[in-house]
Amino acid sequence: MPHTTRLRRLPWRADDRPAFVPPGDGLVNQLADALETELIETAQADAARARDLADEAAATPAELRAALRFVAHSAEDAALVAVLRGERLGLDGPSLDQELSRPRISLG
């Protein structure tokens, strides 16, 4: 029986397609780990800033919309990290096709 290794899907895309690398301790895996950590930390910081802004009586509608866009983007990033980590643990979740085909929020 041939030995197969499940590839790790990376938290970035190459030519608008999913990027993969064999699991391990190499540089690309270390960069992926660092980016996943940064995405989670950014989501936490964005949530805290949005919460503070929501408590600010003088916040303008434009400021609140901008904060909501940042939080939405960060929530998508955090969800992606959760899906990627679940894939590495072999957990069931949304299929790759479902995750890639769902609509994305435009921050433009």
C-alpha atoms as a PDB file:
ATOM      1  CA  MET A   1       0.000   0.000   0.000  1.00  0.00           C
ATOM      2  CA  PRO A   2       1.551   3.363  -0.978  1.00  0.00           C
ATOM      3  CA  HIS A   3       2.265   5.895   1.748  1.00  0.00           C
ATOM      4  CA  THR A   4       0.323   9.128   1.279  1.00  0.00           C
ATOM      5  CA  THR A   5       0.724  12.408   3.118  1.00  0.00           C
ATOM      6  CA  ARG A   6      -2.074  14.905   3.377  1.00  0.00           C
ATOM      7  CA  LEU A   7      -0.949  18.306   2.179  1.00  0.00           C
ATOM      8  CA  ARG A   8      -1.375  21.390   4.313  1.00  0.00           C
ATOM      9  CA  ARG A   9      -3.512  24.129   2.764  1.00  0.00           C
ATOM     10  CA  LEU A  10      -1.850  27.480   3.329  1.00  0.00           C
ATOM     11  CA  PRO A  11      -3.546  30.682   4.549  1.00  0.00           C
ATOM     12  CA  TRP A  12      -2.781  32.418   1.259  1.00  0.00           C
ATOM     13  CA  ARG A  13      -3.538  31.751  -2.373  1.00  0.00           C
ATOM     14  CA  ALA A  14      -1.279  31.403  -5.411  1.00  0.00           C
ATOM     15  CA  ASP A  15      -2.670  32.716  -8.704  1.00  0.00           C
ATOM     16  CA  ASP A  16      -6.104  32.892  -7.022  1.00  0.00           C
ATOM     17  CA  ARG A  17      -5.981  29.149  -6.260  1.00  0.00           C
ATOM     18  CA  PRO A  18      -5.393  27.354  -2.961  1.00  0.00           C
ATOM     19  CA  ALA A  19      -1.728  26.836  -2.122  1.00  0.00           C
ATOM     20  CA  PHE A  20      -0.455  23.646  -0.461  1.00  0.00           C
ATOM     21  CA  VAL A  21       2.736  22.379   1.124  1.00  0.00           C
ATOM     22  CA  PRO A  22       3.719  19.029   2.651  1.00  0.00           C
ATOM     23  CA  PRO A  23       3.393  19.125   6.446  1.00  0.00           C
ATOM     24  CA  GLY A  24       6.562  19.618   8.430  1.00  0.00           C
ATOM     25  CA  ASP A  25       8.804  22.145  10.140  1.00  0.00           C
ATOM     26  CA  GLY A  26      10.110  23.862   7.010  1.00  0.00           C
ATOM     27  CA  LEU A  27      10.194  27.568   6.323  1.00  0.00           C
ATOM     28  CA  VAL A  28       6.881  27.688   4.444  1.00  0.00           C
ATOM     29  CA  ASN A  29       5.106  25.902   7.309  1.00  0.00           C
ATOM     30  CA  GLN A  30       6.682  28.310   9.793  1.00  0.00           C
ATOM     31  CA  LEU A  31       5.518  31.278   7.712  1.00  0.00           C
ATOM     32  CA  ALA A  32       2.005  29.795   7.545  1.00  0.00           C
ATOM     33  CA  ASP A  33       1.969  29.306  11.328  1.00  0.00           C
ATOM     34  CA  ALA A  34       3.121  32.902  11.847  1.00  0.00           C
ATOM     35  CA  LEU A  35       0.485  34.260   9.461  1.00  0.00           C
ATOM     36  CA  GLU A  36      -2.287  32.254  11.141  1.00  0.00           C
ATOM     37  CA  THR A  37      -1.211  33.663  14.511  1.00  0.00           C
ATOM     38  CA  GLU A  38      -1.158  37.181  13.094  1.00  0.00           C
ATOM     39  CA  LEU A  39      -4.640  36.757  11.592  1.00  0.00           C
ATOM     40  CA  ILE A  40      -6.068  35.659  14.959  1.00  0.00           C
ATOM     41  CA  GLU A  41      -4.318  38.500  16.827  1.00  0.00           C
ATOM     42  CA  THR A  42      -5.586  41.040  14.284  1.00  0.00           C
ATOM     43  CA  ALA A  43      -9.141  39.721  14.662  1.00  0.00           C
ATOM     44  CA  GLN A  44      -8.900  40.124  18.432  1.00  0.00           C
ATOM     45  CA  ALA A  45      -7.567  43.678  18.112  1.00  0.00           C
ATOM     46  CA  ASP A  46     -10.215  44.637  15.526  1.00  0.00           C
ATOM     47  CA  ALA A  47     -12.967  43.284  17.772  1.00  0.00           C
ATOM     48  CA  ALA A  48     -11.670  45.295  20.735  1.00  0.00           C
ATOM     49  CA  ARG A  49     -11.440  48.498  18.660  1.00  0.00           C
ATOM     50  CA  ALA A  50     -14.939  47.982  17.246  1.00  0.00           C
ATOM     51  CA  ARG A  51     -16.338  47.354  20.735  1.00  0.00           C
ATOM     52  CA  ASP A  52     -14.728  50.572  21.994  1.00  0.00           C
ATOM     53  CA  LEU A  53     -16.054  52.519  19.010  1.00  0.00           C
ATOM     54  CA  ALA A  54     -19.570  51.122  19.516  1.00  0.00           C
ATOM     55  CA  ASP A  55     -19.469  52.482  23.082  1.00  0.00           C
ATOM     56  CA  GLU A  56     -18.410  55.930  21.831  1.00  0.00           C
ATOM     57  CA  ALA A  57     -21.492  58.171  21.669  1.00  0.00           C
ATOM     58  CA  ALA A  58     -19.793  60.538  19.210  1.00  0.00           C
ATOM     59  CA  ALA A  59     -18.946  57.775  16.708  1.00  0.00           C
ATOM     60  CA  THR A  60     -20.189  58.642  13.239  1.00  0.00           C
ATOM     61  CA  PRO A  61     -22.060  56.228  10.990  1.00  0.00           C
ATOM     62  CA  ALA A  62     -19.055  56.207   8.629  1.00  0.00           C
ATOM     63  CA  GLU A  63     -16.725  55.228  11.497  1.00  0.00           C
ATOM     64  CA  LEU A  64     -19.087  52.459  12.572  1.00  0.00           C
ATOM     65  CA  ARG A  65     -19.370  51.127   8.997  1.00  0.00           C
ATOM     66  CA  ALA A  66     -15.595  51.117   8.640  1.00  0.00           C
ATOM     67  CA  ALA A  67     -15.224  49.254  11.940  1.00  0.00           C
ATOM     68  CA  LEU A  68     -17.829  46.730  10.817  1.00  0.00           C
ATOM     69  CA  ARG A  69     -15.892  46.131   7.585  1.00  0.00           C
ATOM     70  CA  PHE A  70     -12.690  45.497   9.544  1.00  0.00           C
ATOM     71  CA  VAL A  71     -14.453  43.129  11.946  1.00  0.00           C
ATOM     72  CA  ALA A  72     -16.137  41.266   9.074  1.00  0.00           C
ATOM     73  CA  HIS A  73     -12.801  40.812   7.304  1.00  0.00           C
ATOM     74  CA  SER A  74     -11.122  39.683  10.514  1.00  0.00           C
ATOM     75  CA  ALA A  75     -13.951  37.243  11.260  1.00  0.00           C
ATOM     76  CA  GLU A  76     -13.485  35.701   7.802  1.00  0.00           C
ATOM     77  CA  ASP A  77      -9.747  35.407   8.423  1.00  0.00           C
ATOM     78  CA  ALA A  78     -10.285  33.818  11.847  1.00  0.00           C
ATOM     79  CA  ALA A  79     -12.805  31.374  10.370  1.00  0.00           C
ATOM     80  CA  LEU A  80     -10.294  30.451   7.657  1.00  0.00           C
ATOM     81  CA  VAL A  81      -7.657  29.739  10.314  1.00  0.00           C
ATOM     82  CA  ALA A  82     -10.161  27.519  12.143  1.00  0.00           C
ATOM     83  CA  VAL A  83     -10.960  25.611   8.929  1.00  0.00           C
ATOM     84  CA  LEU A  84      -7.261  25.198   8.089  1.00  0.00           C
ATOM     85  CA  ARG A  85      -6.432  23.938  11.570  1.00  0.00           C
ATOM     86  CA  GLY A  86      -9.399  21.587  11.451  1.00  0.00           C
ATOM     87  CA  GLU A  87      -8.134  20.198   8.159  1.00  0.00           C
ATOM     88  CA  ARG A  88      -4.756  19.502   9.751  1.00  0.00           C
ATOM     89  CA  LEU A  89      -6.477  17.718  12.642  1.00  0.00           C
ATOM     90  CA  GLY A  90      -8.558  15.684  10.208  1.00  0.00           C
ATOM     91  CA  LEU A  91     -11.834  17.124  11.512  1.00  0.00           C
ATOM     92  CA  ASP A  92     -14.921  17.247   9.364  1.00  0.00           C
ATOM     93  CA  GLY A  93     -16.035  20.683   8.307  1.00  0.00           C
ATOM     94  CA  PRO A  94     -17.039  22.597   5.215  1.00  0.00           C
ATOM     95  CA  SER A  95     -15.607  21.006   2.112  1.00  0.00           C
ATOM     96  CA  LEU A  96     -12.824  22.822   0.329  1.00  0.00           C
ATOM     97  CA  ASP A  97     -15.156  23.540  -2.587  1.00  0.00           C
ATOM     98  CA  GLN A  98     -17.797  25.018  -0.270  1.00  0.00           C
ATOM     99  CA  GLU A  99     -15.246  27.196   1.512  1.00  0.00           C
ATOM    100  CA  LEU A 100     -13.768  28.484  -1.737  1.00  0.00           C
ATOM    101  CA  SER A 101     -17.085  29.173  -3.458  1.00  0.00           C
ATOM    102  CA  ARG A 102     -18.822  31.135  -0.710  1.00  0.00           C
ATOM    103  CA  PRO A 103     -19.218  34.855  -1.313  1.00  0.00           C
ATOM    104  CA  ARG A 104     -16.621  37.143   0.194  1.00  0.00           C
ATOM    105  CA  ILE A 105     -17.350  40.547   1.670  1.00  0.00           C
ATOM    106  CA  SER A 106     -15.820  43.323  -0.375  1.00  0.00           C
ATOM    107  CA  LEU A 107     -13.953  45.891   1.686  1.00  0.00           C
ATOM    108  CA  GLY A 108     -13.537  48.233  -1.264  1.00  0.00           C
END
